[in-house]
Amino acid sequence: MPGWLCCPGFFPVTNPIGIFDSGLGGLTVYRALQKLLPHESLVYLGDTARVPYGTKSAPTVTEYSIENTEFLLERAAKIVVVACNTASAYAVPQLQAQFDVPIQGVLNPGAAHAATVTRNGHVGVIGTSGTIASDAYAQALRQINPDLQVTSQSCPLFVPLVEEGWLDRPETVSIAQTYLTPLLEAEVDTIILGCTHYPLLRAVIQQVVGESVTLIDSATATAEVVKDMLGRGGMLPPISANRDAGREHPAPTDHEFWVTDAPERFQRVGEIFLGHSLDNVRKV
């Protein structure tokens, strides 16, 4: 059993949660964690010098993921969240074997949620070319329920559309229709948004597939799993009580954003993801 699970307090509870992604998409995971765990400090690493991961081989993505994890551990992360679907598909088992720190990807939480909510047992998966080629979501779904039917579709143009801010353009709707029509023809009733960029296109995707199809955001499901892992490991920070004011106050938190290239672009596009300005983006 890992030390962090068998020995509560294995890591200082005030240490930050580490998050890495190939670029910007993992900010949807950051946002979900910040919302669910407002008392936690967060350290985010975007590997913008080597983005995208979705077109690279499994050994290359695993090598990058190891380096990203090492950086976050240098920043004293008590848990590492792999916010990239491609890295989750290719690298998480190696990271879990190599590092004595809890490692959580976005793939299994999304699959588990989809398997729970599907009504007709037919789940669609959309993602980058690498994520879809790995077949990792389909394998995870079938491990949960071998009777599930899975239809997958790569949507490579969705990422650049998001990063250009084309969230509701007619061209975006047209591209979404092209990508999603095979899933509708297959009669899926649930679709996993298998890339962390895709939640920003949720309104367009829902418009195309209709309200009867349930969309699964892996970021939200992952945040729930991370909270549970921290609780079981005794790593949730204490909340100090302010008796005079009659209310509770969390310990101070600190949020860091690191990138491997182009911090100005990360800062600019990151505002699309978070809805507010980023003024503390640093290059590693």
Foldseek 3Di string as FASTA:
>chain_A
DFPLQVAFPPAALQQAAEEEACAQLLVLLVQLLCVVFVLGAYEYEHAPVDPDPQVDDLVVLQVVVVVSVVVVVVSVHQEYEYSFLLCVLRHVVVCVVPDSHHYHYLQLLLLVVQLVPWDPLEEEEEEANNNVVSCRNVVSNCVVPVSHHYHYFYQHVLVVCLLVVVQPDPVVLVSLLVGCVVVVVVPGQEYEHSGSSCVSNVVSNCVNNDPSHHYGDSSNSRSVVVVVSCVSSNNHADWDDDVVVPGIHHDDYHYAAEYQDDQVSSQVSSCSSVVDGDDHYYYD
